Amino acid sequence: MRTQVGIVGAGPAGLFLSLLLQRAGIDCVVLESRSRDYVESRVRAGVLEQGTVDLMADLGVDARLRRECMIDAALDIRFSGKLIHLDLPGMSGGKVAHIYGQQEVVKDLIAARLERGGALLFEAEVSRLDGLKSGRPTIHFTHGGKAQMLECDVIAGCDGFHGVCRPAIPADVLTIYDREFACGWLGVLSESPPLAEMTYANHDRGFALASRRSPQVSRLYVQCDPDDDVANWSDARIWDELHIRLGDPGRVELKEGRIFQKGITPVRSFVSAPMQFGRLFLAGDASHIVPPTGAKGLNLAVADVRVLSRALIEYFKTGADARLELYSDTCLKRVWKVVRYSTYMTTLLHRFPGQTAFERQVQLAELDYVLNSHAASTTIAENYVGLPYEED
């Protein structure tokens, strides 16, 4: 098999990239180790920045999103009986966030890829990459029980944190920046109407978040120990903690419903640099992970492939490789700004083991400052809806 761009991974990064290249007439093949059903049902984040939604519109894959999404025009932060209310469009030049599950985005992208005749192989397990410093790197994979090889001009590693692409870069080339926070998120999906606004809470008992997936489904989180067991959290205990931490002791505001999914996610930051080696270019979780507090994972992956697609299109159309050479540097500028914001929100809203009384008072003072400072609250709002793209 032969193609111009071999894309490893059919998550948002790989699928967005495939559609951008396909539209430009650049041949590409997407290899995904999991089944289509698994990929389309994998529940992840659901907060889309304005730039991500704009790109979906540009690619013509936003019809269902427009019908089914929810709009976040405000963000609330609760602490010590106080409320920080952020008017997102008023603080960001009219931008809002769209609530639309990542699995729904993936369904739309897969449908468009296949309808437009693009090559997309599911259950194609990649075992190794060869020749990354050569002009014709290869991807070795198994599909349909047969060992196969895909020869490419360029490989896009969009296969996530646990994929094979990042480890294909020699260890002495990569610099790893890693921070694990001493907390986890117990996340649940509930058949219950969500709160009117996306609502964060800093409480003496820990962080909580009331998010939304649809008018009938709530996405809810409580801070827990990262090594905790979901079995320790009965539905009753989860609802008790949510009511307490969100400041709803009378159980009036937060509506309870059937919890149909539970899971504990660690909170961490991870960045590997550079994001390129020879003819291999990493995008999305293959190169970086940010704490979920900032709601940036999918959006940062989209930002990566937006830069990568422009560089590849210029390279294949004109032979110029200046943009490709600058790919990692360009992306990392945004990555570190997003890491900064996500880290700030994480440290602002969580109670960490060993937090001293002094540190707690500083945290509360910071929240009070945000409450009373238009500049501080605007900074959060601007980052939440998505920073502008510098290359624009």
Protein backbone atom coordinates (compact mmCIF):
# COMPACT_ATOMS: atom_id res chain seq x y z
CA MET A 1 0.00 0.00 0.00
CA ARG A 2 1.13 3.52 -0.77
CA THR A 3 -0.19 6.94 0.26
CA GLN A 4 1.02 10.47 0.79
CA VAL A 5 0.04 10.74 4.48
CA GLY A 6 -0.43 7.75 6.75
CA ILE A 7 -2.58 8.71 9.74
CA VAL A 8 -2.41 6.48 12.80
CA GLY A 9 -5.53 6.85 14.92
CA ALA A 10 -9.18 7.67 14.18
CA GLY A 11 -9.84 9.97 17.09
CA PRO A 12 -10.66 13.65 16.57
CA ALA A 13 -7.08 14.56 15.58
CA GLY A 14 -6.73 11.90 12.90
CA LEU A 15 -10.22 12.34 11.49
CA PHE A 16 -10.10 16.14 11.30
CA LEU A 17 -6.70 15.90 9.61
CA SER A 18 -7.97 13.35 7.10
CA LEU A 19 -10.88 15.59 6.05
CA LEU A 20 -8.67 18.67 5.73
CA LEU A 21 -6.17 16.78 3.55
CA GLN A 22 -8.87 15.02 1.55
CA ARG A 23 -10.48 18.36 0.70
CA ALA A 24 -7.11 19.61 -0.58
CA GLY A 25 -6.70 16.57 -2.82
CA ILE A 26 -3.97 14.97 -0.73
CA ASP A 27 -4.18 11.20 -0.45
CA CYS A 28 -4.21 9.76 3.06
CA VAL A 29 -5.06 6.51 4.80
CA VAL A 30 -6.37 6.34 8.38
CA LEU A 31 -5.50 3.27 10.47
CA GLU A 32 -7.44 2.66 13.70
CA SER A 33 -6.71 -0.24 16.04
CA ARG A 34 -10.23 -0.36 17.52
CA SER A 35 -13.57 -1.21 15.94
CA ARG A 36 -15.85 1.49 14.57
CA ASP A 37 -18.43 0.72 17.24
CA TYR A 38 -15.85 1.15 20.01
CA VAL A 39 -14.53 4.44 18.64
CA GLU A 40 -18.01 5.89 18.16
CA SER A 41 -19.19 4.94 21.64
CA ARG A 42 -16.08 6.04 23.57
CA VAL A 43 -17.34 8.83 25.86
CA ARG A 44 -14.95 11.73 26.31
CA ALA A 45 -15.19 15.49 26.77
CA GLY A 46 -17.96 17.52 25.26
CA VAL A 47 -17.01 21.22 25.47
CA LEU A 48 -16.14 22.60 22.03
CA GLU A 49 -14.36 25.91 21.58
CA GLN A 50 -15.64 28.34 19.00
CA GLY A 51 -12.66 27.56 16.76
CA THR A 52 -13.47 23.84 16.77
CA VAL A 53 -17.09 24.52 15.83
CA ASP A 54 -15.98 26.93 13.11
CA LEU A 55 -13.73 24.24 11.63
CA MET A 56 -16.58 21.72 11.62
CA ALA A 57 -18.68 24.26 9.73
CA ASP A 58 -15.86 24.88 7.27
CA LEU A 59 -15.63 21.13 6.61
CA GLY A 60 -19.39 20.76 6.27
CA VAL A 61 -19.78 18.37 9.19
CA ASP A 62 -21.71 20.59 11.59
CA ALA A 63 -25.35 19.91 10.59
CA ARG A 64 -26.14 17.54 13.46
CA LEU A 65 -24.14 19.62 15.90
CA ARG A 66 -26.27 22.68 15.07
CA ARG A 67 -29.45 20.67 15.68
CA GLU A 68 -28.44 18.90 18.87
CA CYS A 69 -25.78 20.91 20.71
CA MET A 70 -26.28 23.07 23.77
CA ILE A 71 -24.75 26.53 24.03
CA ASP A 72 -22.68 27.62 27.01
CA ALA A 73 -22.96 31.40 27.18
CA ALA A 74 -21.97 31.55 30.84
CA LEU A 75 -19.69 29.83 33.33
CA ASP A 76 -20.30 29.76 37.09
CA ILE A 77 -17.77 29.15 39.87
CA ARG A 78 -19.08 28.60 43.41
CA PHE A 79 -17.04 28.95 46.60
CA SER A 80 -17.76 29.78 50.25
CA GLY A 81 -21.37 30.66 49.50
CA LYS A 82 -20.33 33.08 46.75
CA LEU A 83 -20.85 32.95 42.99
CA ILE A 84 -18.55 34.02 40.17
CA HIS A 85 -20.72 34.41 37.06
CA LEU A 86 -18.84 34.80 33.78
CA ASP A 87 -20.68 36.21 30.76
CA LEU A 88 -18.69 34.42 28.08
CA PRO A 89 -19.72 36.35 24.93
CA GLY A 90 -19.60 39.63 26.81
CA MET A 91 -16.03 38.95 27.95
CA SER A 92 -14.69 37.33 24.78
CA GLY A 93 -16.00 39.35 21.86
CA GLY A 94 -19.12 37.25 21.31
CA LYS A 95 -17.65 33.74 21.61
CA VAL A 96 -19.48 30.87 23.32
CA ALA A 97 -18.77 27.20 24.01
CA HIS A 98 -20.83 24.40 22.45
CA ILE A 99 -21.77 21.28 24.39
CA TYR A 100 -21.61 18.27 22.07
CA GLY A 101 -20.05 14.97 23.10
CA GLN A 102 -16.72 13.97 21.60
CA GLN A 103 -18.19 10.65 20.51
CA GLU A 104 -20.79 12.57 18.54
CA VAL A 105 -18.07 14.61 16.84
CA VAL A 106 -16.28 11.37 15.98
CA LYS A 107 -19.46 9.85 14.50
CA ASP A 108 -19.92 12.88 12.27
CA LEU A 109 -16.30 12.86 11.12
CA ILE A 110 -16.28 9.12 10.37
CA ALA A 111 -19.50 9.40 8.38
CA ALA A 112 -18.07 12.27 6.34
CA ARG A 113 -14.77 10.48 5.75
CA LEU A 114 -16.49 7.37 4.43
CA GLU A 115 -19.13 9.22 2.42
CA ARG A 116 -16.39 11.18 0.67
CA GLY A 117 -14.54 8.03 -0.28
CA GLY A 118 -11.63 8.29 2.13
CA ALA A 119 -9.65 5.22 3.19
CA LEU A 120 -10.34 4.38 6.84
CA LEU A 121 -9.41 0.96 8.21
CA PHE A 122 -10.77 -0.14 11.58
CA GLU A 123 -9.20 -2.96 13.63
CA ALA A 124 -5.89 -2.19 11.96
CA GLU A 125 -3.33 -2.75 14.71
CA VAL A 126 -0.09 -0.84 14.09
CA SER A 127 2.98 -2.63 15.42
CA ARG A 128 5.83 -0.34 14.41
CA LEU A 129 7.02 2.57 12.27
CA ASP A 130 10.19 2.37 10.18
CA GLY A 131 12.32 4.77 8.19
CA LEU A 132 11.20 7.95 9.93
CA LYS A 133 14.34 9.80 8.81
CA SER A 134 14.01 8.57 5.24
CA GLY A 135 11.91 9.93 2.41
CA ARG A 136 9.54 6.95 2.54
CA PRO A 137 8.66 5.92 6.08
CA THR A 138 6.50 2.83 6.57
CA ILE A 139 3.73 1.79 8.91
CA HIS A 140 3.53 -1.91 9.75
CA PHE A 141 0.10 -3.14 10.84
CA THR A 142 -2.23 -6.13 10.95
CA HIS A 143 -5.66 -5.99 9.34
CA GLY A 144 -8.03 -8.85 8.68
CA GLY A 145 -5.54 -11.27 10.15
CA LYS A 146 -2.84 -10.29 7.64
CA ALA A 147 0.41 -8.42 8.22
CA GLN A 148 0.56 -5.37 5.95
CA MET A 149 2.75 -2.36 5.28
CA LEU A 150 1.76 1.19 4.34
CA GLU A 151 4.42 3.30 2.62
CA CYS A 152 4.02 7.04 3.09
CA ASP A 153 5.67 10.37 2.45
CA VAL A 154 4.65 11.54 5.93
CA ILE A 155 3.20 9.85 9.04
CA ALA A 156 0.78 11.67 11.36
CA GLY A 157 0.79 10.13 14.84
CA CYS A 158 -2.73 10.71 16.18
CA ASP A 159 -2.99 7.51 18.23
CA GLY A 160 -3.24 8.92 21.74
CA PHE A 161 -1.13 8.71 24.86
CA HIS A 162 -0.78 4.92 24.79
CA GLY A 163 -0.16 4.62 21.05
CA VAL A 164 2.94 3.46 19.18
CA CYS A 165 3.87 6.74 17.50
CA ARG A 166 5.43 8.75 20.30
CA PRO A 167 7.60 5.79 21.47
CA ALA A 168 8.90 5.56 17.88
CA ILE A 169 10.83 8.77 18.52
CA PRO A 170 14.21 8.00 20.16
CA ALA A 171 14.14 8.66 23.89
CA ASP A 172 17.21 10.87 23.72
CA VAL A 173 15.38 13.17 21.30
CA LEU A 174 12.29 13.73 23.44
CA THR A 175 11.95 15.93 26.50
CA ILE A 176 9.08 14.89 28.74
CA TYR A 177 7.29 17.37 30.98
CA ASP A 178 4.96 15.59 33.38
CA ARG A 179 2.92 16.48 36.45
CA GLU A 180 0.49 14.23 38.24
CA PHE A 181 -1.95 15.98 40.55
CA ALA A 182 -2.86 14.30 43.83
CA CYS A 183 -6.50 13.94 42.88
CA GLY A 184 -8.83 12.16 40.52
CA TRP A 185 -12.24 12.88 39.03
CA LEU A 186 -15.14 10.52 39.63
CA GLY A 187 -17.32 11.21 36.62
CA VAL A 188 -20.89 10.05 36.10
CA LEU A 189 -23.57 10.37 33.46
CA SER A 190 -27.07 10.79 34.82
CA GLU A 191 -30.51 10.77 33.26
CA SER A 192 -31.39 14.11 34.79
CA PRO A 193 -31.77 17.68 33.52
CA PRO A 194 -28.53 19.63 33.99
CA LEU A 195 -28.04 22.94 35.75
CA ALA A 196 -28.66 26.03 33.65
CA GLU A 197 -24.95 26.88 33.49
CA MET A 198 -21.69 24.97 33.47
CA THR A 199 -20.89 25.11 37.20
CA TYR A 200 -17.57 24.57 38.98
CA ALA A 201 -17.34 24.41 42.76
CA ASN A 202 -14.49 24.77 45.26
CA HIS A 203 -15.68 23.30 48.56
CA ASP A 204 -13.97 22.34 51.79
CA ARG A 205 -14.70 18.69 50.88
CA GLY A 206 -13.18 19.05 47.41
CA PHE A 207 -13.94 20.03 43.84
CA ALA A 208 -17.20 19.36 41.99
CA LEU A 209 -18.45 20.09 38.48
CA ALA A 210 -21.95 20.08 37.06
CA SER A 211 -21.66 19.88 33.29
CA ARG A 212 -24.13 19.02 30.53
CA ARG A 213 -24.48 16.62 27.64
CA SER A 214 -28.06 17.26 26.58
CA PRO A 215 -31.28 18.69 28.03
CA GLN A 216 -31.92 15.23 29.51
CA VAL A 217 -28.39 14.12 30.47
CA SER A 218 -26.02 15.59 33.06
CA ARG A 219 -22.27 15.02 33.22
CA LEU A 220 -21.23 15.34 36.88
CA TYR A 221 -17.88 15.09 38.67
CA VAL A 222 -16.59 14.98 42.22
CA GLN A 223 -12.95 15.10 43.26
CA CYS A 224 -11.69 11.85 44.76
CA ASP A 225 -8.45 10.02 45.43
CA PRO A 226 -6.86 8.99 42.11
CA ASP A 227 -6.45 5.43 43.41
CA ASP A 228 -10.02 5.18 44.68
CA ASP A 229 -12.32 2.40 43.53
CA VAL A 230 -15.62 3.18 41.81
CA ALA A 231 -17.15 0.41 43.94
CA ASN A 232 -16.68 2.68 46.97
CA TRP A 233 -19.06 5.22 45.47
CA SER A 234 -22.70 4.26 45.67
CA ASP A 235 -25.21 6.39 43.80
CA ALA A 236 -26.45 7.78 47.11
CA ARG A 237 -22.94 8.81 48.15
CA ILE A 238 -22.32 10.51 44.81
CA TRP A 239 -25.54 12.53 45.02
CA ASP A 240 -24.82 13.47 48.64
CA GLU A 241 -21.39 14.83 47.73
CA LEU A 242 -22.70 16.72 44.71
CA HIS A 243 -25.45 18.42 46.68
CA ILE A 244 -23.02 19.41 49.44
CA ARG A 245 -20.18 20.62 47.22
CA LEU A 246 -22.44 22.50 44.80
CA GLY A 247 -24.17 24.29 47.66
CA ASP A 248 -27.55 22.59 47.31
CA PRO A 249 -28.24 21.25 50.81
CA GLY A 250 -31.99 21.37 50.30
CA ARG A 251 -31.66 19.09 47.25
CA VAL A 252 -33.76 21.48 45.19
CA GLU A 253 -31.48 22.74 42.45
CA LEU A 254 -29.67 19.57 41.36
CA LYS A 255 -32.10 17.01 40.00
CA GLU A 256 -31.26 13.37 40.64
CA GLY A 257 -31.68 10.68 38.01
CA ARG A 258 -30.49 7.22 37.07
CA ILE A 259 -26.69 7.10 36.94
CA PHE A 260 -25.77 4.96 33.94
CA GLN A 261 -22.00 5.43 33.77
CA LYS A 262 -19.23 5.84 36.35
CA GLY A 263 -15.48 6.13 36.05
CA ILE A 264 -12.44 7.61 37.78
CA THR A 265 -9.96 9.66 35.76
CA PRO A 266 -6.54 10.80 37.02
CA VAL A 267 -5.69 14.47 36.73
CA ARG A 268 -2.35 15.07 35.03
CA SER A 269 -0.38 17.21 32.62
CA PHE A 270 1.95 15.68 30.05
CA VAL A 271 3.87 17.32 27.24
CA SER A 272 6.48 15.72 25.00
CA ALA A 273 8.70 17.88 22.83
CA PRO A 274 9.41 18.11 20.00
CA MET A 275 6.20 17.03 18.30
CA GLN A 276 8.05 15.91 15.19
CA PHE A 277 10.90 13.63 14.23
CA GLY A 278 11.94 13.17 10.63
CA ARG A 279 8.76 12.39 8.68
CA LEU A 280 6.67 11.71 11.83
CA PHE A 281 4.41 14.45 13.23
CA LEU A 282 2.50 13.95 16.49
CA ALA A 283 -0.88 15.52 17.22
CA GLY A 284 -3.33 15.50 20.11
CA ASP A 285 -2.93 13.14 23.06
CA ALA A 286 0.00 11.42 21.38
CA SER A 287 2.02 14.47 22.38
CA HIS A 288 0.18 16.16 25.24
CA ILE A 289 -2.48 15.72 27.91
CA VAL A 290 -3.94 18.55 29.96
CA PRO A 291 -6.00 18.42 33.17
CA PRO A 292 -9.71 18.10 32.35
CA THR A 293 -10.48 21.19 34.42
CA GLY A 294 -9.82 23.39 31.40
CA ALA A 295 -11.96 21.32 28.97
CA LYS A 296 -9.22 21.57 26.34
CA GLY A 297 -8.15 18.08 25.25
CA LEU A 298 -10.18 17.72 22.04
CA ASN A 299 -9.82 21.41 21.19
CA LEU A 300 -6.05 21.28 21.50
CA ALA A 301 -5.93 18.27 19.19
CA VAL A 302 -7.96 20.23 16.63
CA ALA A 303 -5.55 23.16 16.94
CA ASP A 304 -2.62 20.81 16.24
CA VAL A 305 -4.05 19.34 13.04
CA ARG A 306 -5.16 22.75 11.87
CA VAL A 307 -1.49 23.77 11.88
CA LEU A 308 -0.32 20.41 10.50
CA SER A 309 -2.81 20.37 7.63
CA ARG A 310 -1.73 23.80 6.44
CA ALA A 311 1.92 22.77 6.55
CA LEU A 312 1.28 19.51 4.69
CA ILE A 313 -0.89 21.14 2.04
CA GLU A 314 1.79 23.72 1.35
CA TYR A 315 4.45 21.00 1.24
CA PHE A 316 2.60 18.74 -1.20
CA LYS A 317 1.39 21.60 -3.38
CA THR A 318 4.62 23.62 -3.60
CA GLY A 319 7.43 21.54 -2.14
CA ALA A 320 8.09 24.20 0.51
CA ASP A 321 8.74 22.69 3.93
CA ALA A 322 9.21 25.82 6.07
CA ARG A 323 5.83 25.37 7.77
CA LEU A 324 6.53 21.68 8.42
CA GLU A 325 9.87 22.48 10.01
CA LEU A 326 8.13 24.94 12.35
CA TYR A 327 5.20 22.63 13.15
CA SER A 328 6.33 21.63 16.64
CA ASP A 329 7.35 25.13 17.69
CA THR A 330 4.09 26.60 16.42
CA CYS A 331 1.93 24.05 18.23
CA LEU A 332 3.85 24.10 21.49
CA LYS A 333 3.27 27.83 21.91
CA ARG A 334 -0.45 27.12 22.17
CA VAL A 335 0.03 23.87 24.11
CA TRP A 336 1.88 25.61 26.92
CA LYS A 337 -0.69 28.39 27.13
CA VAL A 338 -3.41 25.76 27.48
CA VAL A 339 -1.35 23.86 30.06
CA ARG A 340 -0.95 27.11 32.01
CA TYR A 341 -4.69 27.77 31.99
CA SER A 342 -5.67 24.18 32.84
CA THR A 343 -3.12 24.06 35.66
CA TYR A 344 -4.36 27.37 37.01
CA MET A 345 -7.97 26.18 37.05
CA THR A 346 -6.96 22.89 38.65
CA THR A 347 -4.99 24.49 41.47
CA LEU A 348 -7.68 27.14 41.94
CA LEU A 349 -10.58 24.73 42.37
CA HIS A 350 -9.25 21.57 44.05
CA ARG A 351 -8.36 20.72 47.64
CA PHE A 352 -5.10 18.80 47.65
CA PRO A 353 -3.80 16.47 50.40
CA GLY A 354 -1.50 18.33 52.75
CA GLN A 355 -2.85 21.75 51.81
CA THR A 356 -1.96 24.05 54.68
CA ALA A 357 -4.28 26.60 56.26
CA PHE A 358 -2.08 29.30 54.69
CA GLU A 359 -2.44 27.78 51.22
CA ARG A 360 -6.19 27.43 51.66
CA GLN A 361 -6.55 31.10 52.52
CA VAL A 362 -4.47 32.11 49.49
CA GLN A 363 -6.71 29.94 47.29
CA LEU A 364 -9.85 31.57 48.67
CA ALA A 365 -8.31 35.01 48.26
CA GLU A 366 -7.61 34.22 44.59
CA LEU A 367 -11.23 33.19 44.08
CA ASP A 368 -12.41 36.37 45.76
CA TYR A 369 -10.09 38.36 43.51
CA VAL A 370 -11.59 36.73 40.41
CA LEU A 371 -15.07 37.51 41.78
CA ASN A 372 -14.27 41.22 42.09
CA SER A 373 -11.88 41.75 39.19
CA HIS A 374 -13.18 42.16 35.64
CA ALA A 375 -9.66 41.57 34.32
CA ALA A 376 -9.21 38.29 36.21
CA SER A 377 -12.63 36.94 35.27
CA THR A 378 -12.13 37.97 31.64
CA THR A 379 -8.89 35.96 31.53
CA ILE A 380 -10.78 32.81 32.53
CA ALA A 381 -13.59 33.50 30.06
CA GLU A 382 -11.20 34.14 27.14
CA ASN A 383 -9.34 30.90 27.76
CA TYR A 384 -12.52 28.88 28.26
CA VAL A 385 -14.00 29.78 24.86
CA GLY A 386 -10.60 29.38 23.17
CA LEU A 387 -7.63 31.60 22.47
CA PRO A 388 -7.23 33.00 18.95
CA TYR A 389 -4.92 31.20 16.55
CA GLU A 390 -1.64 33.08 16.35
CA GLU A 391 -0.96 32.23 12.71
CA ASP A 392 -4.20 34.00 11.75
